[in-house]
Amino acid sequence: MLLTAVEQLRTYAAVGGQILFGTDVGFMSDYSPAQEYKLLAQAGLSFAQILAALTTNPAQRFGLSQQTGTIAVGKRADLVLLTADPAVNIEHLTKVAYTISKGRIIYQSK
């Protein structure tokens, strides 16, 4: 079944489907999206496509591109700062040092 999902994602992305990434993190303290990131890469998505699925694609889909999705003057200043480069290893997207929402630090790793 997992292989089927990966193939469906590969096909959807290949025909220009817009990929959005979302998780259930927030009420599940032991949840890590690392496996999902690996599966996105396994489906053939590039780092840029995976990053877009986390940032610009959801902002665009939900009509929020003027407020969020990219870093620019006047936007909400929602940022996640990482301790390692996810372009080198996609699992590094889970190496969160800081989470900033509306310009305020809401999470800092120990």
PDB file of N, CA and C in Angstrom:
ATOM      1  N   MET A   1       0.825  -1.199   0.000  1.00  0.00           N
ATOM      2  CA  MET A   1       0.000   0.000   0.000  1.00  0.00           C
ATOM      3  C   MET A   1       0.866   1.258   0.000  1.00  0.00           C
ATOM      4  N   LEU A   2       1.946   1.249   0.793  1.00  0.00           N
ATOM      5  CA  LEU A   2       2.826   2.410   0.854  1.00  0.00           C
ATOM      6  C   LEU A   2       3.449   2.688  -0.504  1.00  0.00           C
ATOM      7  N   LEU A   3       3.864   1.634  -1.197  1.00  0.00           N
ATOM      8  CA  LEU A   3       4.445   1.791  -2.524  1.00  0.00           C
ATOM      9  C   LEU A   3       3.429   2.390  -3.481  1.00  0.00           C
ATOM     10  N   THR A   4       2.189   1.986  -3.366  1.00  0.00           N
ATOM     11  CA  THR A   4       1.126   2.541  -4.204  1.00  0.00           C
ATOM     12  C   THR A   4       0.982   4.038  -3.958  1.00  0.00           C
ATOM     13  N   ALA A   5       1.003   4.443  -2.714  1.00  0.00           N
ATOM     14  CA  ALA A   5       0.878   5.866  -2.379  1.00  0.00           C
ATOM     15  C   ALA A   5       2.054   6.658  -2.938  1.00  0.00           C
ATOM     16  N   VAL A   6       3.254   6.118  -2.837  1.00  0.00           N
ATOM     17  CA  VAL A   6       4.443   6.787  -3.370  1.00  0.00           C
ATOM     18  C   VAL A   6       4.316   6.935  -4.884  1.00  0.00           C
ATOM     19  N   GLU A   7       3.871   5.901  -5.557  1.00  0.00           N
ATOM     20  CA  GLU A   7       3.691   5.961  -7.013  1.00  0.00           C
ATOM     21  C   GLU A   7       2.595   6.960  -7.404  1.00  0.00           C
ATOM     22  N   GLN A   8       1.522   7.000  -6.641  1.00  0.00           N
ATOM     23  CA  GLN A   8       0.459   7.965  -6.928  1.00  0.00           C
ATOM     24  C   GLN A   8       0.961   9.393  -6.745  1.00  0.00           C
ATOM     25  N   LEU A   9       1.738   9.620  -5.713  1.00  0.00           N
ATOM     26  CA  LEU A   9       2.312  10.951  -5.498  1.00  0.00           C
ATOM     27  C   LEU A   9       3.256  11.314  -6.631  1.00  0.00           C
ATOM     28  N   ARG A  10       4.089  10.365  -7.040  1.00  0.00           N
ATOM     29  CA  ARG A  10       5.028  10.596  -8.146  1.00  0.00           C
ATOM     30  C   ARG A  10       4.256  11.019  -9.405  1.00  0.00           C
ATOM     31  N   THR A  11       3.192  10.295  -9.713  1.00  0.00           N
ATOM     32  CA  THR A  11       2.389  10.584 -10.901  1.00  0.00           C
ATOM     33  C   THR A  11       1.702  11.934 -10.785  1.00  0.00           C
ATOM     34  N   TYR A  12       1.126  12.207  -9.625  1.00  0.00           N
ATOM     35  CA  TYR A  12       0.431  13.481  -9.405  1.00  0.00           C
ATOM     36  C   TYR A  12       1.389  14.661  -9.563  1.00  0.00           C
ATOM     37  N   ALA A  13       2.578  14.556  -8.977  1.00  0.00           N
ATOM     38  CA  ALA A  13       3.565  15.624  -9.087  1.00  0.00           C
ATOM     39  C   ALA A  13       4.040  15.772 -10.534  1.00  0.00           C
ATOM     40  N   ALA A  14       4.215  14.656 -11.230  1.00  0.00           N
ATOM     41  CA  ALA A  14       4.708  14.682 -12.612  1.00  0.00           C
ATOM     42  C   ALA A  14       3.759  15.395 -13.560  1.00  0.00           C
ATOM     43  N   VAL A  15       2.459  15.351 -13.267  1.00  0.00           N
ATOM     44  CA  VAL A  15       1.494  16.042 -14.140  1.00  0.00           C
ATOM     45  C   VAL A  15       1.180  17.452 -13.649  1.00  0.00           C
ATOM     46  N   GLY A  16       1.978  17.939 -12.670  1.00  0.00           N
ATOM     47  CA  GLY A  16       1.822  19.314 -12.212  1.00  0.00           C
ATOM     48  C   GLY A  16       0.917  19.489 -11.018  1.00  0.00           C
ATOM     49  N   GLY A  17       0.551  18.400 -10.347  1.00  0.00           N
ATOM     50  CA  GLY A  17      -0.286  18.509  -9.154  1.00  0.00           C
ATOM     51  C   GLY A  17       0.415  19.292  -8.048  1.00  0.00           C
ATOM     52  N   GLN A  18      -0.326  20.106  -7.370  1.00  0.00           N
ATOM     53  CA  GLN A  18       0.243  20.917  -6.291  1.00  0.00           C
ATOM     54  C   GLN A  18       0.254  20.087  -5.002  1.00  0.00           C
ATOM     55  N   ILE A  19       1.435  19.879  -4.455  1.00  0.00           N
ATOM     56  CA  ILE A  19       1.611  19.072  -3.257  1.00  0.00           C
ATOM     57  C   ILE A  19       1.571  19.983  -2.033  1.00  0.00           C
ATOM     58  N   LEU A  20       0.740  19.618  -1.059  1.00  0.00           N
ATOM     59  CA  LEU A  20       0.659  20.336   0.211  1.00  0.00           C
ATOM     60  C   LEU A  20       1.062  19.377   1.317  1.00  0.00           C
ATOM     61  N   PHE A  21       1.840  19.860   2.274  1.00  0.00           N
ATOM     62  CA  PHE A  21       2.268  19.014   3.386  1.00  0.00           C
ATOM     63  C   PHE A  21       1.574  19.487   4.648  1.00  0.00           C
ATOM     64  N   GLY A  22       0.992  18.564   5.374  1.00  0.00           N
ATOM     65  CA  GLY A  22       0.383  18.856   6.661  1.00  0.00           C
ATOM     66  C   GLY A  22       0.596  17.686   7.586  1.00  0.00           C
ATOM     67  N   THR A  23       0.578  17.945   8.869  1.00  0.00           N
ATOM     68  CA  THR A  23       0.787  16.869   9.844  1.00  0.00           C
ATOM     69  C   THR A  23      -0.254  16.959  10.949  1.00  0.00           C
ATOM     70  N   ASP A  24      -0.219  15.960  11.806  1.00  0.00           N
ATOM     71  CA  ASP A  24      -1.063  15.949  12.992  1.00  0.00           C
ATOM     72  C   ASP A  24      -0.285  16.409  14.217  1.00  0.00           C
ATOM     73  N   VAL A  25       0.931  16.951  13.994  1.00  0.00           N
ATOM     74  CA  VAL A  25       1.737  17.418  15.116  1.00  0.00           C
ATOM     75  C   VAL A  25       0.955  18.499  15.853  1.00  0.00           C
ATOM     76  N   GLY A  26       1.010  18.461  17.141  1.00  0.00           N
ATOM     77  CA  GLY A  26       0.276  19.417  17.951  1.00  0.00           C
ATOM     78  C   GLY A  26      -0.422  18.706  19.079  1.00  0.00           C
ATOM     79  N   PHE A  27      -0.917  17.524  18.772  1.00  0.00           N
ATOM     80  CA  PHE A  27      -1.526  16.739  19.841  1.00  0.00           C
ATOM     81  C   PHE A  27      -0.846  15.381  19.980  1.00  0.00           C
ATOM     82  N   MET A  28       0.146  15.117  19.158  1.00  0.00           N
ATOM     83  CA  MET A  28       0.896  13.864  19.246  1.00  0.00           C
ATOM     84  C   MET A  28       2.352  14.222  19.555  1.00  0.00           C
ATOM     85  N   SER A  29       2.761  14.107  20.783  1.00  0.00           N
ATOM     86  CA  SER A  29       4.095  14.563  21.178  1.00  0.00           C
ATOM     87  C   SER A  29       5.227  13.685  20.663  1.00  0.00           C
ATOM     88  N   ASP A  30       4.947  12.462  20.248  1.00  0.00           N
ATOM     89  CA  ASP A  30       6.001  11.569  19.776  1.00  0.00           C
ATOM     90  C   ASP A  30       6.060  11.487  18.249  1.00  0.00           C
ATOM     91  N   TYR A  31       5.356  12.331  17.571  1.00  0.00           N
ATOM     92  CA  TYR A  31       5.258  12.256  16.120  1.00  0.00           C
ATOM     93  C   TYR A  31       6.434  12.957  15.450  1.00  0.00           C
ATOM     94  N   SER A  32       6.990  12.329  14.454  1.00  0.00           N
ATOM     95  CA  SER A  32       8.039  12.933  13.634  1.00  0.00           C
ATOM     96  C   SER A  32       7.650  12.774  12.168  1.00  0.00           C
ATOM     97  N   PRO A  33       7.728  13.842  11.399  1.00  0.00           N
ATOM     98  CA  PRO A  33       7.416  13.741   9.968  1.00  0.00           C
ATOM     99  C   PRO A  33       8.594  13.239   9.130  1.00  0.00           C
ATOM    100  N   ALA A  34       9.685  12.792   9.756  1.00  0.00           N
ATOM    101  CA  ALA A  34      10.879  12.364   9.020  1.00  0.00           C
ATOM    102  C   ALA A  34      10.555  11.315   7.961  1.00  0.00           C
ATOM    103  N   GLN A  35       9.758  10.332   8.309  1.00  0.00           N
ATOM    104  CA  GLN A  35       9.407   9.281   7.342  1.00  0.00           C
ATOM    105  C   GLN A  35       8.623   9.858   6.169  1.00  0.00           C
ATOM    106  N   GLU A  36       7.750  10.796   6.435  1.00  0.00           N
ATOM    107  CA  GLU A  36       6.984  11.411   5.350  1.00  0.00           C
ATOM    108  C   GLU A  36       7.900  12.194   4.412  1.00  0.00           C
ATOM    109  N   TYR A  37       8.883  12.896   4.974  1.00  0.00           N
ATOM    110  CA  TYR A  37       9.842  13.615   4.136  1.00  0.00           C
ATOM    111  C   TYR A  37      10.597  12.641   3.240  1.00  0.00           C
ATOM    112  N   LYS A  38      11.019  11.514   3.803  1.00  0.00           N
ATOM    113  CA  LYS A  38      11.736  10.505   3.016  1.00  0.00           C
ATOM    114  C   LYS A  38      10.848   9.944   1.905  1.00  0.00           C
ATOM    115  N   LEU A  39       9.579   9.729   2.198  1.00  0.00           N
ATOM    116  CA  LEU A  39       8.662   9.205   1.185  1.00  0.00           C
ATOM    117  C   LEU A  39       8.428  10.215   0.058  1.00  0.00           C
ATOM    118  N   LEU A  40       8.370  11.502   0.402  1.00  0.00           N
ATOM    119  CA  LEU A  40       8.251  12.528  -0.635  1.00  0.00           C
ATOM    120  C   LEU A  40       9.455  12.475  -1.563  1.00  0.00           C
ATOM    121  N   ALA A  41      10.645  12.345  -0.982  1.00  0.00           N
ATOM    122  CA  ALA A  41      11.858  12.232  -1.788  1.00  0.00           C
ATOM    123  C   ALA A  41      11.849  10.940  -2.604  1.00  0.00           C
ATOM    124  N   GLN A  42      11.398   9.852  -2.000  1.00  0.00           N
ATOM    125  CA  GLN A  42      11.313   8.565  -2.703  1.00  0.00           C
ATOM    126  C   GLN A  42      10.371   8.664  -3.898  1.00  0.00           C
ATOM    127  N   ALA A  43       9.353   9.492  -3.785  1.00  0.00           N
ATOM    128  CA  ALA A  43       8.404   9.693  -4.881  1.00  0.00           C
ATOM    129  C   ALA A  43       8.991  10.553  -5.990  1.00  0.00           C
ATOM    130  N   GLY A  44      10.218  11.029  -5.783  1.00  0.00           N
ATOM    131  CA  GLY A  44      10.888  11.798  -6.820  1.00  0.00           C
ATOM    132  C   GLY A  44      10.802  13.297  -6.675  1.00  0.00           C
ATOM    133  N   LEU A  45      10.207  13.780  -5.591  1.00  0.00           N
ATOM    134  CA  LEU A  45      10.148  15.218  -5.395  1.00  0.00           C
ATOM    135  C   LEU A  45      11.536  15.746  -5.040  1.00  0.00           C
ATOM    136  N   SER A  46      11.898  16.852  -5.631  1.00  0.00           N
ATOM    137  CA  SER A  46      13.172  17.497  -5.339  1.00  0.00           C
ATOM    138  C   SER A  46      13.077  18.221  -3.998  1.00  0.00           C
ATOM    139  N   PHE A  47      14.219  18.644  -3.486  1.00  0.00           N
ATOM    140  CA  PHE A  47      14.203  19.436  -2.254  1.00  0.00           C
ATOM    141  C   PHE A  47      13.334  20.671  -2.431  1.00  0.00           C
ATOM    142  N   ALA A  48      13.462  21.340  -3.564  1.00  0.00           N
ATOM    143  CA  ALA A  48      12.672  22.554  -3.804  1.00  0.00           C
ATOM    144  C   ALA A  48      11.170  22.252  -3.794  1.00  0.00           C
ATOM    145  N   GLN A  49      10.768  21.121  -4.352  1.00  0.00           N
ATOM    146  CA  GLN A  49       9.349  20.755  -4.352  1.00  0.00           C
ATOM    147  C   GLN A  49       8.856  20.422  -2.947  1.00  0.00           C
ATOM    148  N   ILE A  50       9.682  19.750  -2.160  1.00  0.00           N
ATOM    149  CA  ILE A  50       9.296  19.425  -0.787  1.00  0.00           C
ATOM    150  C   ILE A  50       9.197  20.691   0.042  1.00  0.00           C
ATOM    151  N   LEU A  51      10.165  21.595  -0.109  1.00  0.00           N
ATOM    152  CA  LEU A  51      10.121  22.863   0.614  1.00  0.00           C
ATOM    153  C   LEU A  51       8.875  23.658   0.226  1.00  0.00           C
ATOM    154  N   ALA A  52       8.547  23.677  -1.048  1.00  0.00           N
ATOM    155  CA  ALA A  52       7.335  24.379  -1.501  1.00  0.00           C
ATOM    156  C   ALA A  52       6.082  23.754  -0.886  1.00  0.00           C
ATOM    157  N   ALA A  53       6.066  22.422  -0.736  1.00  0.00           N
ATOM    158  CA  ALA A  53       4.911  21.741  -0.129  1.00  0.00           C
ATOM    159  C   ALA A  53       4.715  22.165   1.322  1.00  0.00           C
ATOM    160  N   LEU A  54       5.785  22.613   1.956  1.00  0.00           N
ATOM    161  CA  LEU A  54       5.729  23.055   3.348  1.00  0.00           C
ATOM    162  C   LEU A  54       5.461  24.554   3.484  1.00  0.00           C
ATOM    163  N   THR A  55       5.695  25.321   2.436  1.00  0.00           N
ATOM    164  CA  THR A  55       5.698  26.786   2.563  1.00  0.00           C
ATOM    165  C   THR A  55       4.795  27.482   1.549  1.00  0.00           C
ATOM    166  N   THR A  56       5.295  27.654   0.352  1.00  0.00           N
ATOM    167  CA  THR A  56       4.580  28.463  -0.635  1.00  0.00           C
ATOM    168  C   THR A  56       3.297  27.820  -1.150  1.00  0.00           C
ATOM    169  N   ASN A  57       3.294  26.499  -1.316  1.00  0.00           N
ATOM    170  CA  ASN A  57       2.083  25.846  -1.850  1.00  0.00           C
ATOM    171  C   ASN A  57       0.877  26.000  -0.933  1.00  0.00           C
ATOM    172  N   PRO A  58       0.997  25.722   0.382  1.00  0.00           N
ATOM    173  CA  PRO A  58      -0.170  25.929   1.241  1.00  0.00           C
ATOM    174  C   PRO A  58      -0.609  27.396   1.290  1.00  0.00           C
ATOM    175  N   ALA A  59       0.362  28.304   1.320  1.00  0.00           N
ATOM    176  CA  ALA A  59       0.006  29.730   1.344  1.00  0.00           C
ATOM    177  C   ALA A  59      -0.785  30.104   0.099  1.00  0.00           C
ATOM    178  N   GLN A  60      -0.332  29.623  -1.036  1.00  0.00           N
ATOM    179  CA  GLN A  60      -1.034  29.899  -2.288  1.00  0.00           C
ATOM    180  C   GLN A  60      -2.418  29.251  -2.307  1.00  0.00           C
ATOM    181  N   ARG A  61      -2.487  27.971  -1.952  1.00  0.00           N
ATOM    182  CA  ARG A  61      -3.749  27.230  -1.995  1.00  0.00           C
ATOM    183  C   ARG A  61      -4.823  27.871  -1.138  1.00  0.00           C
ATOM    184  N   PHE A  62      -4.426  28.385   0.031  1.00  0.00           N
ATOM    185  CA  PHE A  62      -5.401  28.947   0.968  1.00  0.00           C
ATOM    186  C   PHE A  62      -5.493  30.469   0.886  1.00  0.00           C
ATOM    187  N   GLY A  63      -4.941  31.049  -0.164  1.00  0.00           N
ATOM    188  CA  GLY A  63      -5.073  32.488  -0.401  1.00  0.00           C
ATOM    189  C   GLY A  63      -4.325  33.352   0.601  1.00  0.00           C
ATOM    190  N   LEU A  64      -3.212  32.850   1.112  1.00  0.00           N
ATOM    191  CA  LEU A  64      -2.463  33.583   2.138  1.00  0.00           C
ATOM    192  C   LEU A  64      -1.077  34.034   1.672  1.00  0.00           C
ATOM    193  N   SER A  65      -0.823  33.998   0.382  1.00  0.00           N
ATOM    194  CA  SER A  65       0.504  34.322  -0.137  1.00  0.00           C
ATOM    195  C   SER A  65       0.966  35.738   0.200  1.00  0.00           C
ATOM    196  N   GLN A  66       0.033  36.640   0.405  1.00  0.00           N
ATOM    197  CA  GLN A  66       0.411  38.018   0.758  1.00  0.00           C
ATOM    198  C   GLN A  66       0.875  38.133   2.207  1.00  0.00           C
ATOM    199  N   GLN A  67       0.508  37.155   3.042  1.00  0.00           N
ATOM    200  CA  GLN A  67       0.855  37.201   4.460  1.00  0.00           C
ATOM    201  C   GLN A  67       1.948  36.211   4.855  1.00  0.00           C
ATOM    202  N   THR A  68       2.046  35.088   4.168  1.00  0.00           N
ATOM    203  CA  THR A  68       2.937  34.019   4.620  1.00  0.00           C
ATOM    204  C   THR A  68       3.387  33.162   3.434  1.00  0.00           C
ATOM    205  N   GLY A  69       4.280  32.237   3.691  1.00  0.00           N
ATOM    206  CA  GLY A  69       4.754  31.317   2.659  1.00  0.00           C
ATOM    207  C   GLY A  69       6.155  31.614   2.173  1.00  0.00           C
ATOM    208  N   THR A  70       6.561  32.865   2.254  1.00  0.00           N
ATOM    209  CA  THR A  70       7.911  33.285   1.886  1.00  0.00           C
ATOM    210  C   THR A  70       8.394  34.309   2.914  1.00  0.00           C
ATOM    211  N   ILE A  71       9.671  34.603   2.852  1.00  0.00           N
ATOM    212  CA  ILE A  71      10.253  35.613   3.739  1.00  0.00           C
ATOM    213  C   ILE A  71      10.323  36.926   2.966  1.00  0.00           C
ATOM    214  N   ALA A  72       9.610  37.932   3.451  1.00  0.00           N
ATOM    215  CA  ALA A  72       9.608  39.233   2.793  1.00  0.00           C
ATOM    216  C   ALA A  72       9.113  40.291   3.782  1.00  0.00           C
ATOM    217  N   VAL A  73       9.525  41.513   3.560  1.00  0.00           N
ATOM    218  CA  VAL A  73       9.083  42.639   4.385  1.00  0.00           C
ATOM    219  C   VAL A  73       7.557  42.708   4.349  1.00  0.00           C
ATOM    220  N   GLY A  74       6.956  42.848   5.521  1.00  0.00           N
ATOM    221  CA  GLY A  74       5.520  42.985   5.634  1.00  0.00           C
ATOM    222  C   GLY A  74       4.774  41.675   5.828  1.00  0.00           C
ATOM    223  N   LYS A  75       5.472  40.541   5.689  1.00  0.00           N
ATOM    224  CA  LYS A  75       4.809  39.264   5.911  1.00  0.00           C
ATOM    225  C   LYS A  75       4.863  38.910   7.393  1.00  0.00           C
ATOM    226  N   ARG A  76       4.195  37.837   7.780  1.00  0.00           N
ATOM    227  CA  ARG A  76       3.972  37.488   9.181  1.00  0.00           C
ATOM    228  C   ARG A  76       5.218  37.108   9.967  1.00  0.00           C
ATOM    229  N   ALA A  77       6.307  36.841   9.338  1.00  0.00           N
ATOM    230  CA  ALA A  77       7.533  36.411  10.024  1.00  0.00           C
ATOM    231  C   ALA A  77       7.322  35.070  10.726  1.00  0.00           C
ATOM    232  N   ASP A  78       6.756  34.114   9.999  1.00  0.00           N
ATOM    233  CA  ASP A  78       6.639  32.725  10.455  1.00  0.00           C
ATOM    234  C   ASP A  78       7.838  31.975   9.884  1.00  0.00           C
ATOM    235  N   LEU A  79       8.728  31.526  10.761  1.00  0.00           N
ATOM    236  CA  LEU A  79       9.960  30.877  10.319  1.00  0.00           C
ATOM    237  C   LEU A  79      10.264  29.652  11.160  1.00  0.00           C
ATOM    238  N   VAL A  80      10.936  28.708  10.553  1.00  0.00           N
ATOM    239  CA  VAL A  80      11.503  27.573  11.275  1.00  0.00           C
ATOM    240  C   VAL A  80      12.986  27.574  10.940  1.00  0.00           C
ATOM    241  N   LEU A  81      13.821  27.681  11.957  1.00  0.00           N
ATOM    242  CA  LEU A  81      15.268  27.659  11.778  1.00  0.00           C
ATOM    243  C   LEU A  81      15.780  26.281  12.143  1.00  0.00           C
ATOM    244  N   LEU A  82      16.597  25.725  11.273  1.00  0.00           N
ATOM    245  CA  LEU A  82      17.081  24.357  11.437  1.00  0.00           C
ATOM    246  C   LEU A  82      18.549  24.333  11.850  1.00  0.00           C
ATOM    247  N   THR A  83      18.975  23.214  12.421  1.00  0.00           N
ATOM    248  CA  THR A  83      20.374  23.055  12.831  1.00  0.00           C
ATOM    249  C   THR A  83      21.201  22.354  11.765  1.00  0.00           C
ATOM    250  N   ALA A  84      20.574  21.847  10.716  1.00  0.00           N
ATOM    251  CA  ALA A  84      21.280  21.144   9.650  1.00  0.00           C
ATOM    252  C   ALA A  84      20.590  21.444   8.324  1.00  0.00           C
ATOM    253  N   ASP A  85      21.292  21.261   7.245  1.00  0.00           N
ATOM    254  CA  ASP A  85      20.822  21.620   5.913  1.00  0.00           C
ATOM    255  C   ASP A  85      19.944  20.519   5.306  1.00  0.00           C
ATOM    256  N   PRO A  86      18.661  20.783   5.112  1.00  0.00           N
ATOM    257  CA  PRO A  86      17.782  19.758   4.543  1.00  0.00           C
ATOM    258  C   PRO A  86      18.025  19.507   3.054  1.00  0.00           C
ATOM    259  N   ALA A  87      18.749  20.385   2.394  1.00  0.00           N
ATOM    260  CA  ALA A  87      19.092  20.138   0.998  1.00  0.00           C
ATOM    261  C   ALA A  87      20.119  19.005   0.888  1.00  0.00           C
ATOM    262  N   VAL A  88      20.854  18.775   1.974  1.00  0.00           N
ATOM    263  CA  VAL A  88      21.834  17.694   2.031  1.00  0.00           C
ATOM    264  C   VAL A  88      21.161  16.381   2.406  1.00  0.00           C
ATOM    265  N   ASN A  89      20.252  16.443   3.371  1.00  0.00           N
ATOM    266  CA  ASN A  89      19.516  15.267   3.844  1.00  0.00           C
ATOM    267  C   ASN A  89      18.123  15.750   4.230  1.00  0.00           C
ATOM    268  N   ILE A  90      17.107  15.282   3.536  1.00  0.00           N
ATOM    269  CA  ILE A  90      15.740  15.772   3.737  1.00  0.00           C
ATOM    270  C   ILE A  90      15.264  15.591   5.171  1.00  0.00           C
ATOM    271  N   GLU A  91      15.802  14.604   5.888  1.00  0.00           N
ATOM    272  CA  GLU A  91      15.414  14.409   7.286  1.00  0.00           C
ATOM    273  C   GLU A  91      15.871  15.559   8.181  1.00  0.00           C
ATOM    274  N   HIS A  92      16.779  16.371   7.690  1.00  0.00           N
ATOM    275  CA  HIS A  92      17.212  17.527   8.472  1.00  0.00           C
ATOM    276  C   HIS A  92      16.084  18.547   8.669  1.00  0.00           C
ATOM    277  N   LEU A  93      14.996  18.394   7.925  1.00  0.00           N
ATOM    278  CA  LEU A  93      13.825  19.254   8.175  1.00  0.00           C
ATOM    279  C   LEU A  93      13.279  19.046   9.585  1.00  0.00           C
ATOM    280  N   THR A  94      13.641  17.948  10.223  1.00  0.00           N
ATOM    281  CA  THR A  94      13.178  17.688  11.594  1.00  0.00           C
ATOM    282  C   THR A  94      14.136  18.234  12.644  1.00  0.00           C
ATOM    283  N   LYS A  95      15.250  18.802  12.228  1.00  0.00           N
ATOM    284  CA  LYS A  95      16.270  19.317  13.156  1.00  0.00           C
ATOM    285  C   LYS A  95      15.968  20.782  13.466  1.00  0.00           C
ATOM    286  N   VAL A  96      14.888  21.009  14.186  1.00  0.00           N
ATOM    287  CA  VAL A  96      14.402  22.365  14.451  1.00  0.00           C
ATOM    288  C   VAL A  96      15.144  22.989  15.638  1.00  0.00           C
ATOM    289  N   ALA A  97      15.709  24.159  15.408  1.00  0.00           N
ATOM    290  CA  ALA A  97      16.362  24.920  16.472  1.00  0.00           C
ATOM    291  C   ALA A  97      15.387  25.934  17.064  1.00  0.00           C
ATOM    292  N   TYR A  98      14.661  26.630  16.200  1.00  0.00           N
ATOM    293  CA  TYR A  98      13.702  27.645  16.629  1.00  0.00           C
ATOM    294  C   TYR A  98      12.474  27.593  15.731  1.00  0.00           C
ATOM    295  N   THR A  99      11.336  27.879  16.305  1.00  0.00           N
ATOM    296  CA  THR A  99      10.119  28.130  15.545  1.00  0.00           C
ATOM    297  C   THR A  99       9.666  29.530  15.929  1.00  0.00           C
ATOM    298  N   ILE A 100       9.427  30.340  14.921  1.00  0.00           N
ATOM    299  CA  ILE A 100       9.036  31.729  15.127  1.00  0.00           C
ATOM    300  C   ILE A 100       7.677  31.938  14.464  1.00  0.00           C
ATOM    301  N   SER A 101       6.736  32.484  15.211  1.00  0.00           N
ATOM    302  CA  SER A 101       5.408  32.774  14.693  1.00  0.00           C
ATOM    303  C   SER A 101       5.108  34.249  14.904  1.00  0.00           C
ATOM    304  N   LYS A 102       4.790  34.921  13.825  1.00  0.00           N
ATOM    305  CA  LYS A 102       4.502  36.351  13.860  1.00  0.00           C
ATOM    306  C   LYS A 102       5.635  37.121  14.535  1.00  0.00           C
ATOM    307  N   GLY A 103       6.868  36.680  14.279  1.00  0.00           N
ATOM    308  CA  GLY A 103       8.041  37.369  14.790  1.00  0.00           C
ATOM    309  C   GLY A 103       8.429  37.029  16.218  1.00  0.00           C
ATOM    310  N   ARG A 104       7.699  36.125  16.866  1.00  0.00           N
ATOM    311  CA  ARG A 104       7.989  35.748  18.253  1.00  0.00           C
ATOM    312  C   ARG A 104       8.449  34.295  18.324  1.00  0.00           C
ATOM    313  N   ILE A 105       9.487  34.031  19.090  1.00  0.00           N
ATOM    314  CA  ILE A 105       9.950  32.656  19.273  1.00  0.00           C
ATOM    315  C   ILE A 105       8.913  31.899  20.090  1.00  0.00           C
ATOM    316  N   ILE A 106       8.403  30.809  19.509  1.00  0.00           N
ATOM    317  CA  ILE A 106       7.425  29.994  20.239  1.00  0.00           C
ATOM    318  C   ILE A 106       7.997  28.631  20.593  1.00  0.00           C
ATOM    319  N   TYR A 107       9.167  28.307  20.014  1.00  0.00           N
ATOM    320  CA  TYR A 107       9.859  27.054  20.349  1.00  0.00           C
ATOM    321  C   TYR A 107      11.346  27.259  20.185  1.00  0.00           C
ATOM    322  N   GLN A 108      12.098  26.735  21.148  1.00  0.00           N
ATOM    323  CA  GLN A 108      13.555  26.747  21.073  1.00  0.00           C
ATOM    324  C   GLN A 108      14.041  25.401  21.572  1.00  0.00           C
ATOM    325  N   SER A 109      14.869  24.715  20.747  1.00  0.00           N
ATOM    326  CA  SER A 109      15.366  23.404  21.173  1.00  0.00           C
ATOM    327  C   SER A 109      16.344  23.576  22.326  1.00  0.00           C
ATOM    328  N   LYS A 110      16.492  22.523  23.053  1.00  0.00           N
ATOM    329  CA  LYS A 110      17.375  22.570  24.237  1.00  0.00           C
ATOM    330  C   LYS A 110      18.786  22.281  23.865  1.00  0.00           C
TER     331      LYS A 110
END
